[in-house]
Amino acid sequence: MHGNWNNDMHDGFGWGWIPMTIMMLLVFGTLIWLGVALLRRTGPQQHAVATGPTAPPALSAQQILAERLARGEIEPDDYRTRLEALTTTRP
């Protein structure tokens, strides 16, 4: 009586291993999915570090010209001439 039951379940030829394998794959897959989902929800400060800093806003031509004057790249007379050229409308 016990000998036949032992041979059917433990000799490796039964079909019981298929559902057990599928269940274990589902359990491990779920655990991995939960781990990845939790890591993605770490917060905005970590996400900002991963994506890098944002670009500064674009400067207008007048602001760039003023910065060049402040750095000493152009003379005040040149600054005035260029600023006048930027602000004057041409027909």
PDB file of N, CA and C in Angstrom:
ATOM      1  N   MET A   1       0.816  -1.180   0.000  1.00  0.00           N
ATOM      2  CA  MET A   1       0.000   0.000   0.000  1.00  0.00           C
ATOM      3  C   MET A   1       0.872   1.260   0.000  1.00  0.00           C
ATOM      4  N   HIS A   2       1.832   1.361   0.880  1.00  0.00           N
ATOM      5  CA  HIS A   2       2.683   2.533   0.914  1.00  0.00           C
ATOM      6  C   HIS A   2       3.724   2.517  -0.197  1.00  0.00           C
ATOM      7  N   GLY A   3       4.114   1.389  -0.653  1.00  0.00           N
ATOM      8  CA  GLY A   3       5.135   1.288  -1.677  1.00  0.00           C
ATOM      9  C   GLY A   3       4.686   1.898  -2.995  1.00  0.00           C
ATOM     10  N   ASN A   4       3.466   1.682  -3.413  1.00  0.00           N
ATOM     11  CA  ASN A   4       2.963   2.218  -4.667  1.00  0.00           C
ATOM     12  C   ASN A   4       2.840   3.740  -4.606  1.00  0.00           C
ATOM     13  N   TRP A   5       2.387   4.289  -3.484  1.00  0.00           N
ATOM     14  CA  TRP A   5       2.256   5.744  -3.326  1.00  0.00           C
ATOM     15  C   TRP A   5       3.638   6.396  -3.377  1.00  0.00           C
ATOM     16  N   ASN A   6       4.620   5.791  -2.743  1.00  0.00           N
ATOM     17  CA  ASN A   6       5.980   6.312  -2.752  1.00  0.00           C
ATOM     18  C   ASN A   6       6.545   6.351  -4.157  1.00  0.00           C
ATOM     19  N   ASN A   7       6.327   5.337  -4.925  1.00  0.00           N
ATOM     20  CA  ASN A   7       6.869   5.291  -6.279  1.00  0.00           C
ATOM     21  C   ASN A   7       6.215   6.323  -7.182  1.00  0.00           C
ATOM     22  N   ASP A   8       4.934   6.589  -7.022  1.00  0.00           N
ATOM     23  CA  ASP A   8       4.243   7.545  -7.880  1.00  0.00           C
ATOM     24  C   ASP A   8       4.654   8.983  -7.586  1.00  0.00           C
ATOM     25  N   MET A   9       4.925   9.321  -6.351  1.00  0.00           N
ATOM     26  CA  MET A   9       5.165  10.716  -6.007  1.00  0.00           C
ATOM     27  C   MET A   9       6.640  11.105  -5.985  1.00  0.00           C
ATOM     28  N   HIS A  10       7.535  10.196  -5.752  1.00  0.00           N
ATOM     29  CA  HIS A  10       8.920  10.583  -5.523  1.00  0.00           C
ATOM     30  C   HIS A  10       9.906  10.028  -6.538  1.00  0.00           C
ATOM     31  N   ASP A  11       9.463   9.382  -7.567  1.00  0.00           N
ATOM     32  CA  ASP A  11      10.432   8.835  -8.513  1.00  0.00           C
ATOM     33  C   ASP A  11      10.731   9.780  -9.663  1.00  0.00           C
ATOM     34  N   GLY A  12      10.133  10.984  -9.709  1.00  0.00           N
ATOM     35  CA  GLY A  12      10.442  11.977 -10.723  1.00  0.00           C
ATOM     36  C   GLY A  12       9.624  11.870 -11.983  1.00  0.00           C
ATOM     37  N   PHE A  13       8.742  10.889 -12.081  1.00  0.00           N
ATOM     38  CA  PHE A  13       7.943  10.744 -13.281  1.00  0.00           C
ATOM     39  C   PHE A  13       6.515  11.251 -13.115  1.00  0.00           C
ATOM     40  N   GLY A  14       6.176  11.770 -11.961  1.00  0.00           N
ATOM     41  CA  GLY A  14       4.840  12.294 -11.732  1.00  0.00           C
ATOM     42  C   GLY A  14       4.711  13.686 -12.339  1.00  0.00           C
ATOM     43  N   TRP A  15       3.499  14.181 -12.442  1.00  0.00           N
ATOM     44  CA  TRP A  15       3.235  15.497 -13.028  1.00  0.00           C
ATOM     45  C   TRP A  15       3.136  16.599 -11.976  1.00  0.00           C
ATOM     46  N   GLY A  16       3.350  16.303 -10.722  1.00  0.00           N
ATOM     47  CA  GLY A  16       3.215  17.277  -9.659  1.00  0.00           C
ATOM     48  C   GLY A  16       4.263  18.385  -9.698  1.00  0.00           C
ATOM     49  N   TRP A  17       5.374  18.151 -10.330  1.00  0.00           N
ATOM     50  CA  TRP A  17       6.449  19.156 -10.381  1.00  0.00           C
ATOM     51  C   TRP A  17       6.111  20.315 -11.303  1.00  0.00           C
ATOM     52  N   ILE A  18       5.243  20.130 -12.283  1.00  0.00           N
ATOM     53  CA  ILE A  18       4.913  21.198 -13.236  1.00  0.00           C
ATOM     54  C   ILE A  18       4.156  22.341 -12.547  1.00  0.00           C
ATOM     55  N   PRO A  19       3.050  22.075 -11.826  1.00  0.00           N
ATOM     56  CA  PRO A  19       2.383  23.197 -11.150  1.00  0.00           C
ATOM     57  C   PRO A  19       3.260  23.842 -10.074  1.00  0.00           C
ATOM     58  N   MET A  20       4.079  23.035  -9.392  1.00  0.00           N
ATOM     59  CA  MET A  20       4.962  23.597  -8.370  1.00  0.00           C
ATOM     60  C   MET A  20       6.010  24.522  -8.999  1.00  0.00           C
ATOM     61  N   THR A  21       6.527  24.144 -10.156  1.00  0.00           N
ATOM     62  CA  THR A  21       7.510  24.979 -10.847  1.00  0.00           C
ATOM     63  C   THR A  21       6.867  26.284 -11.305  1.00  0.00           C
ATOM     64  N   ILE A  22       5.669  26.198 -11.854  1.00  0.00           N
ATOM     65  CA  ILE A  22       4.962  27.405 -12.310  1.00  0.00           C
ATOM     66  C   ILE A  22       4.680  28.332 -11.125  1.00  0.00           C
ATOM     67  N   MET A  23       4.254  27.770  -9.990  1.00  0.00           N
ATOM     68  CA  MET A  23       3.975  28.585  -8.816  1.00  0.00           C
ATOM     69  C   MET A  23       5.247  29.263  -8.302  1.00  0.00           C
ATOM     70  N   MET A  24       6.350  28.560  -8.272  1.00  0.00           N
ATOM     71  CA  MET A  24       7.592  29.158  -7.796  1.00  0.00           C
ATOM     72  C   MET A  24       8.051  30.267  -8.743  1.00  0.00           C
ATOM     73  N   LEU A  25       7.911  30.087 -10.055  1.00  0.00           N
ATOM     74  CA  LEU A  25       8.260  31.139 -11.005  1.00  0.00           C
ATOM     75  C   LEU A  25       7.370  32.366 -10.801  1.00  0.00           C
ATOM     76  N   LEU A  26       6.084  32.136 -10.545  1.00  0.00           N
ATOM     77  CA  LEU A  26       5.179  33.256 -10.281  1.00  0.00           C
ATOM     78  C   LEU A  26       5.551  33.980  -8.987  1.00  0.00           C
ATOM     79  N   VAL A  27       5.900  33.235  -7.948  1.00  0.00           N
ATOM     80  CA  VAL A  27       6.272  33.855  -6.677  1.00  0.00           C
ATOM     81  C   VAL A  27       7.547  34.679  -6.843  1.00  0.00           C
ATOM     82  N   PHE A  28       8.582  34.099  -7.455  1.00  0.00           N
ATOM     83  CA  PHE A  28       9.835  34.828  -7.647  1.00  0.00           C
ATOM     84  C   PHE A  28       9.646  36.022  -8.584  1.00  0.00           C
ATOM     85  N   GLY A  29       8.863  35.852  -9.629  1.00  0.00           N
ATOM     86  CA  GLY A  29       8.588  36.960 -10.541  1.00  0.00           C
ATOM     87  C   GLY A  29       7.871  38.100  -9.839  1.00  0.00           C
ATOM     88  N   THR A  30       6.917  37.767  -8.975  1.00  0.00           N
ATOM     89  CA  THR A  30       6.197  38.793  -8.221  1.00  0.00           C
ATOM     90  C   THR A  30       7.127  39.526  -7.263  1.00  0.00           C
ATOM     91  N   LEU A  31       8.004  38.791  -6.587  1.00  0.00           N
ATOM     92  CA  LEU A  31       8.956  39.427  -5.670  1.00  0.00           C
ATOM     93  C   LEU A  31       9.908  40.363  -6.409  1.00  0.00           C
ATOM     94  N   ILE A  32      10.382  39.941  -7.561  1.00  0.00           N
ATOM     95  CA  ILE A  32      11.278  40.797  -8.352  1.00  0.00           C
ATOM     96  C   ILE A  32      10.533  42.036  -8.831  1.00  0.00           C
ATOM     97  N   TRP A  33       9.310  41.859  -9.302  1.00  0.00           N
ATOM     98  CA  TRP A  33       8.509  42.996  -9.770  1.00  0.00           C
ATOM     99  C   TRP A  33       8.258  43.987  -8.640  1.00  0.00           C
ATOM    100  N   LEU A  34       7.927  43.487  -7.441  1.00  0.00           N
ATOM    101  CA  LEU A  34       7.704  44.375  -6.295  1.00  0.00           C
ATOM    102  C   LEU A  34       8.986  45.126  -5.925  1.00  0.00           C
ATOM    103  N   GLY A  35      10.124  44.439  -5.974  1.00  0.00           N
ATOM    104  CA  GLY A  35      11.389  45.101  -5.669  1.00  0.00           C
ATOM    105  C   GLY A  35      11.694  46.226  -6.638  1.00  0.00           C
ATOM    106  N   VAL A  36      11.492  45.983  -7.923  1.00  0.00           N
ATOM    107  CA  VAL A  36      11.730  47.017  -8.927  1.00  0.00           C
ATOM    108  C   VAL A  36      10.756  48.177  -8.745  1.00  0.00           C
ATOM    109  N   ALA A  37       9.495  47.874  -8.467  1.00  0.00           N
ATOM    110  CA  ALA A  37       8.490  48.928  -8.266  1.00  0.00           C
ATOM    111  C   ALA A  37       8.841  49.782  -7.050  1.00  0.00           C
ATOM    112  N   LEU A  38       9.313  49.180  -5.987  1.00  0.00           N
ATOM    113  CA  LEU A  38       9.700  49.946  -4.798  1.00  0.00           C
ATOM    114  C   LEU A  38      10.929  50.801  -5.058  1.00  0.00           C
ATOM    115  N   LEU A  39      11.882  50.289  -5.816  1.00  0.00           N
ATOM    116  CA  LEU A  39      13.073  51.071  -6.125  1.00  0.00           C
ATOM    117  C   LEU A  39      12.749  52.272  -7.007  1.00  0.00           C
ATOM    118  N   ARG A  40      11.753  52.142  -7.864  1.00  0.00           N
ATOM    119  CA  ARG A  40      11.378  53.261  -8.735  1.00  0.00           C
ATOM    120  C   ARG A  40      10.640  54.357  -7.983  1.00  0.00           C
ATOM    121  N   ARG A  41      10.093  54.043  -6.824  1.00  0.00           N
ATOM    122  CA  ARG A  41       9.336  55.022  -6.038  1.00  0.00           C
ATOM    123  C   ARG A  41      10.183  55.584  -4.908  1.00  0.00           C
ATOM    124  N   THR A  42      11.438  55.894  -5.178  1.00  0.00           N
ATOM    125  CA  THR A  42      12.331  56.343  -4.118  1.00  0.00           C
ATOM    126  C   THR A  42      12.158  57.812  -3.788  1.00  0.00           C
ATOM    127  N   GLY A  43      11.525  58.603  -4.622  1.00  0.00           N
ATOM    128  CA  GLY A  43      11.298  60.009  -4.324  1.00  0.00           C
ATOM    129  C   GLY A  43      11.865  60.899  -5.408  1.00  0.00           C
ATOM    130  N   PRO A  44      11.437  62.172  -5.420  1.00  0.00           N
ATOM    131  CA  PRO A  44      11.847  63.081  -6.479  1.00  0.00           C
ATOM    132  C   PRO A  44      13.319  63.473  -6.425  1.00  0.00           C
ATOM    133  N   GLN A  45      13.934  63.535  -5.228  1.00  0.00           N
ATOM    134  CA  GLN A  45      15.313  63.979  -5.171  1.00  0.00           C
ATOM    135  C   GLN A  45      16.247  62.942  -5.784  1.00  0.00           C
ATOM    136  N   GLN A  46      16.002  61.658  -5.609  1.00  0.00           N
ATOM    137  CA  GLN A  46      16.847  60.656  -6.233  1.00  0.00           C
ATOM    138  C   GLN A  46      16.625  60.625  -7.743  1.00  0.00           C
ATOM    139  N   HIS A  47      15.388  60.855  -8.170  1.00  0.00           N
ATOM    140  CA  HIS A  47      15.098  60.855  -9.596  1.00  0.00           C
ATOM    141  C   HIS A  47      15.795  62.022 -10.290  1.00  0.00           C
ATOM    142  N   ALA A  48      15.854  63.163  -9.627  1.00  0.00           N
ATOM    143  CA  ALA A  48      16.521  64.323 -10.209  1.00  0.00           C
ATOM    144  C   ALA A  48      18.012  64.066 -10.372  1.00  0.00           C
ATOM    145  N   VAL A  49      18.602  63.331  -9.441  1.00  0.00           N
ATOM    146  CA  VAL A  49      20.027  63.011  -9.543  1.00  0.00           C
ATOM    147  C   VAL A  49      20.261  62.086 -10.726  1.00  0.00           C
ATOM    148  N   ALA A  50      19.345  61.156 -10.948  1.00  0.00           N
ATOM    149  CA  ALA A  50      19.515  60.206 -12.044  1.00  0.00           C
ATOM    150  C   ALA A  50      19.366  60.871 -13.406  1.00  0.00           C
ATOM    151  N   THR A  51      18.503  61.863 -13.511  1.00  0.00           N
ATOM    152  CA  THR A  51      18.286  62.501 -14.805  1.00  0.00           C
ATOM    153  C   THR A  51      19.241  63.645 -15.054  1.00  0.00           C
ATOM    154  N   GLY A  52      19.907  64.138 -14.019  1.00  0.00           N
ATOM    155  CA  GLY A  52      20.856  65.230 -14.194  1.00  0.00           C
ATOM    156  C   GLY A  52      20.205  66.575 -13.958  1.00  0.00           C
ATOM    157  N   PRO A  53      21.017  67.603 -13.869  1.00  0.00           N
ATOM    158  CA  PRO A  53      20.468  68.938 -13.614  1.00  0.00           C
ATOM    159  C   PRO A  53      19.717  69.467 -14.835  1.00  0.00           C
ATOM    160  N   THR A  54      18.780  70.365 -14.564  1.00  0.00           N
ATOM    161  CA  THR A  54      18.031  70.962 -15.657  1.00  0.00           C
ATOM    162  C   THR A  54      18.850  72.079 -16.287  1.00  0.00           C
ATOM    163  N   ALA A  55      18.596  72.354 -17.531  1.00  0.00           N
ATOM    164  CA  ALA A  55      19.317  73.406 -18.251  1.00  0.00           C
ATOM    165  C   ALA A  55      18.833  74.777 -17.776  1.00  0.00           C
ATOM    166  N   PRO A  56      19.731  75.747 -17.699  1.00  0.00           N
ATOM    167  CA  PRO A  56      19.294  77.087 -17.300  1.00  0.00           C
ATOM    168  C   PRO A  56      18.411  77.688 -18.391  1.00  0.00           C
ATOM    169  N   PRO A  57      17.532  78.624 -18.011  1.00  0.00           N
ATOM    170  CA  PRO A  57      16.666  79.225 -19.019  1.00  0.00           C
ATOM    171  C   PRO A  57      17.487  80.002 -20.042  1.00  0.00           C
ATOM    172  N   ALA A  58      16.960  80.056 -21.256  1.00  0.00           N
ATOM    173  CA  ALA A  58      17.654  80.755 -22.338  1.00  0.00           C
ATOM    174  C   ALA A  58      17.705  82.259 -22.047  1.00  0.00           C
ATOM    175  N   LEU A  59      18.863  82.863 -22.298  1.00  0.00           N
ATOM    176  CA  LEU A  59      19.034  84.296 -22.070  1.00  0.00           C
ATOM    177  C   LEU A  59      18.689  85.068 -23.334  1.00  0.00           C
ATOM    178  N   SER A  60      18.214  86.278 -23.126  1.00  0.00           N
ATOM    179  CA  SER A  60      17.918  87.138 -24.272  1.00  0.00           C
ATOM    180  C   SER A  60      19.239  87.720 -24.790  1.00  0.00           C
ATOM    181  N   ALA A  61      19.175  88.309 -25.968  1.00  0.00           N
ATOM    182  CA  ALA A  61      20.376  88.907 -26.564  1.00  0.00           C
ATOM    183  C   ALA A  61      20.900  90.057 -25.707  1.00  0.00           C
ATOM    184  N   GLN A  62      19.998  90.832 -25.114  1.00  0.00           N
ATOM    185  CA  GLN A  62      20.416  91.943 -24.255  1.00  0.00           C
ATOM    186  C   GLN A  62      21.121  91.428 -22.996  1.00  0.00           C
ATOM    187  N   GLN A  63      20.623  90.321 -22.434  1.00  0.00           N
ATOM    188  CA  GLN A  63      21.251  89.762 -21.247  1.00  0.00           C
ATOM    189  C   GLN A  63      22.648  89.220 -21.566  1.00  0.00           C
ATOM    190  N   ILE A  64      22.794  88.578 -22.694  1.00  0.00           N
ATOM    191  CA  ILE A  64      24.106  88.061 -23.101  1.00  0.00           C
ATOM    192  C   ILE A  64      25.073  89.215 -23.312  1.00  0.00           C
ATOM    193  N   LEU A  65      24.600  90.265 -23.952  1.00  0.00           N
ATOM    194  CA  LEU A  65      25.440  91.441 -24.187  1.00  0.00           C
ATOM    195  C   LEU A  65      25.862  92.078 -22.861  1.00  0.00           C
ATOM    196  N   ALA A  66      24.947  92.167 -21.896  1.00  0.00           N
ATOM    197  CA  ALA A  66      25.268  92.734 -20.588  1.00  0.00           C
ATOM    198  C   ALA A  66      26.282  91.862 -19.851  1.00  0.00           C
ATOM    199  N   GLU A  67      26.156  90.556 -19.965  1.00  0.00           N
ATOM    200  CA  GLU A  67      27.125  89.659 -19.330  1.00  0.00           C
ATOM    201  C   GLU A  67      28.512  89.815 -19.953  1.00  0.00           C
ATOM    202  N   ARG A  68      28.559  89.961 -21.259  1.00  0.00           N
ATOM    203  CA  ARG A  68      29.859  90.159 -21.918  1.00  0.00           C
ATOM    204  C   ARG A  68      30.517  91.449 -21.451  1.00  0.00           C
ATOM    205  N   LEU A  69      29.724  92.515 -21.258  1.00  0.00           N
ATOM    206  CA  LEU A  69      30.254  93.768 -20.735  1.00  0.00           C
ATOM    207  C   LEU A  69      30.752  93.572 -19.301  1.00  0.00           C
ATOM    208  N   ALA A  70      29.985  92.857 -18.500  1.00  0.00           N
ATOM    209  CA  ALA A  70      30.361  92.624 -17.106  1.00  0.00           C
ATOM    210  C   ALA A  70      31.646  91.798 -17.005  1.00  0.00           C
ATOM    211  N   ARG A  71      31.846  90.857 -17.912  1.00  0.00           N
ATOM    212  CA  ARG A  71      33.066  90.048 -17.891  1.00  0.00           C
ATOM    213  C   ARG A  71      34.262  90.785 -18.482  1.00  0.00           C
ATOM    214  N   GLY A  72      34.011  91.917 -19.106  1.00  0.00           N
ATOM    215  CA  GLY A  72      35.104  92.682 -19.693  1.00  0.00           C
ATOM    216  C   GLY A  72      35.475  92.241 -21.103  1.00  0.00           C
ATOM    217  N   GLU A  73      34.613  91.481 -21.743  1.00  0.00           N
ATOM    218  CA  GLU A  73      34.891  91.025 -23.102  1.00  0.00           C
ATOM    219  C   GLU A  73      34.711  92.148 -24.122  1.00  0.00           C
ATOM    220  N   ILE A  74      33.833  93.111 -23.827  1.00  0.00           N
ATOM    221  CA  ILE A  74      33.605  94.236 -24.736  1.00  0.00           C
ATOM    222  C   ILE A  74      33.688  95.536 -23.945  1.00  0.00           C
ATOM    223  N   GLU A  75      33.955  96.618 -24.628  1.00  0.00           N
ATOM    224  CA  GLU A  75      34.048  97.945 -24.011  1.00  0.00           C
ATOM    225  C   GLU A  75      32.654  98.570 -23.901  1.00  0.00           C
ATOM    226  N   PRO A  76      32.488  99.540 -23.002  1.00  0.00           N
ATOM    227  CA  PRO A  76      31.169 100.181 -22.855  1.00  0.00           C
ATOM    228  C   PRO A  76      30.664 100.831 -24.141  1.00  0.00           C
ATOM    229  N   ASP A  77      31.567 101.431 -24.930  1.00  0.00           N
ATOM    230  CA  ASP A  77      31.119 102.027 -26.197  1.00  0.00           C
ATOM    231  C   ASP A  77      30.605 100.945 -27.154  1.00  0.00           C
ATOM    232  N   ASP A  78      31.328  99.850 -27.216  1.00  0.00           N
ATOM    233  CA  ASP A  78      30.905  98.729 -28.062  1.00  0.00           C
ATOM    234  C   ASP A  78      29.570  98.172 -27.570  1.00  0.00           C
ATOM    235  N   TYR A  79      29.396  98.116 -26.234  1.00  0.00           N
ATOM    236  CA  TYR A  79      28.141  97.641 -25.646  1.00  0.00           C
ATOM    237  C   TYR A  79      26.974  98.503 -26.094  1.00  0.00           C
ATOM    238  N   ARG A  80      27.133  99.828 -25.984  1.00  0.00           N
ATOM    239  CA  ARG A  80      26.057 100.748 -26.369  1.00  0.00           C
ATOM    240  C   ARG A  80      25.719 100.606 -27.844  1.00  0.00           C
ATOM    241  N   THR A  81      26.749 100.496 -28.676  1.00  0.00           N
ATOM    242  CA  THR A  81      26.528 100.357 -30.118  1.00  0.00           C
ATOM    243  C   THR A  81      25.758  99.079 -30.428  1.00  0.00           C
ATOM    244  N   ARG A  82      26.174  97.995 -29.821  1.00  0.00           N
ATOM    245  CA  ARG A  82      25.507  96.710 -30.077  1.00  0.00           C
ATOM    246  C   ARG A  82      24.096  96.693 -29.499  1.00  0.00           C
ATOM    247  N   LEU A  83      23.918  97.294 -28.308  1.00  0.00           N
ATOM    248  CA  LEU A  83      22.576  97.343 -27.718  1.00  0.00           C
ATOM    249  C   LEU A  83      21.639  98.162 -28.571  1.00  0.00           C
ATOM    250  N   GLU A  84      22.140  99.272 -29.114  1.00  0.00           N
ATOM    251  CA  GLU A  84      21.323 100.097 -30.006  1.00  0.00           C
ATOM    252  C   GLU A  84      20.949  99.319 -31.259  1.00  0.00           C
ATOM    253  N   ALA A  85      21.878  98.512 -31.774  1.00  0.00           N
ATOM    254  CA  ALA A  85      21.594  97.712 -32.959  1.00  0.00           C
ATOM    255  C   ALA A  85      20.536  96.648 -32.649  1.00  0.00           C
ATOM    256  N   LEU A  86      20.553  96.147 -31.428  1.00  0.00           N
ATOM    257  CA  LEU A  86      19.559  95.122 -31.060  1.00  0.00           C
ATOM    258  C   LEU A  86      18.177  95.725 -30.861  1.00  0.00           C
ATOM    259  N   THR A  87      18.120  96.907 -30.291  1.00  0.00           N
ATOM    260  CA  THR A  87      16.803  97.486 -29.960  1.00  0.00           C
ATOM    261  C   THR A  87      16.195  98.294 -31.089  1.00  0.00           C
ATOM    262  N   THR A  88      16.990  98.697 -32.082  1.00  0.00           N
ATOM    263  CA  THR A  88      16.467  99.472 -33.195  1.00  0.00           C
ATOM    264  C   THR A  88      15.743  98.539 -34.154  1.00  0.00           C
ATOM    265  N   THR A  89      14.532  98.948 -34.536  1.00  0.00           N
ATOM    266  CA  THR A  89      13.777  98.156 -35.515  1.00  0.00           C
ATOM    267  C   THR A  89      14.089  98.637 -36.906  1.00  0.00           C
ATOM    268  N   ARG A  90      14.245  97.685 -37.790  1.00  0.00           N
ATOM    269  CA  ARG A  90      14.544  98.022 -39.186  1.00  0.00           C
ATOM    270  C   ARG A  90      13.299  97.751 -40.031  1.00  0.00           C
ATOM    271  N   PRO A  91      13.037  98.622 -41.001  1.00  0.00           N
ATOM    272  CA  PRO A  91      11.838  98.412 -41.844  1.00  0.00           C
ATOM    273  C   PRO A  91      12.004  97.257 -42.818  1.00  0.00           C
TER     274      PRO A  91
END
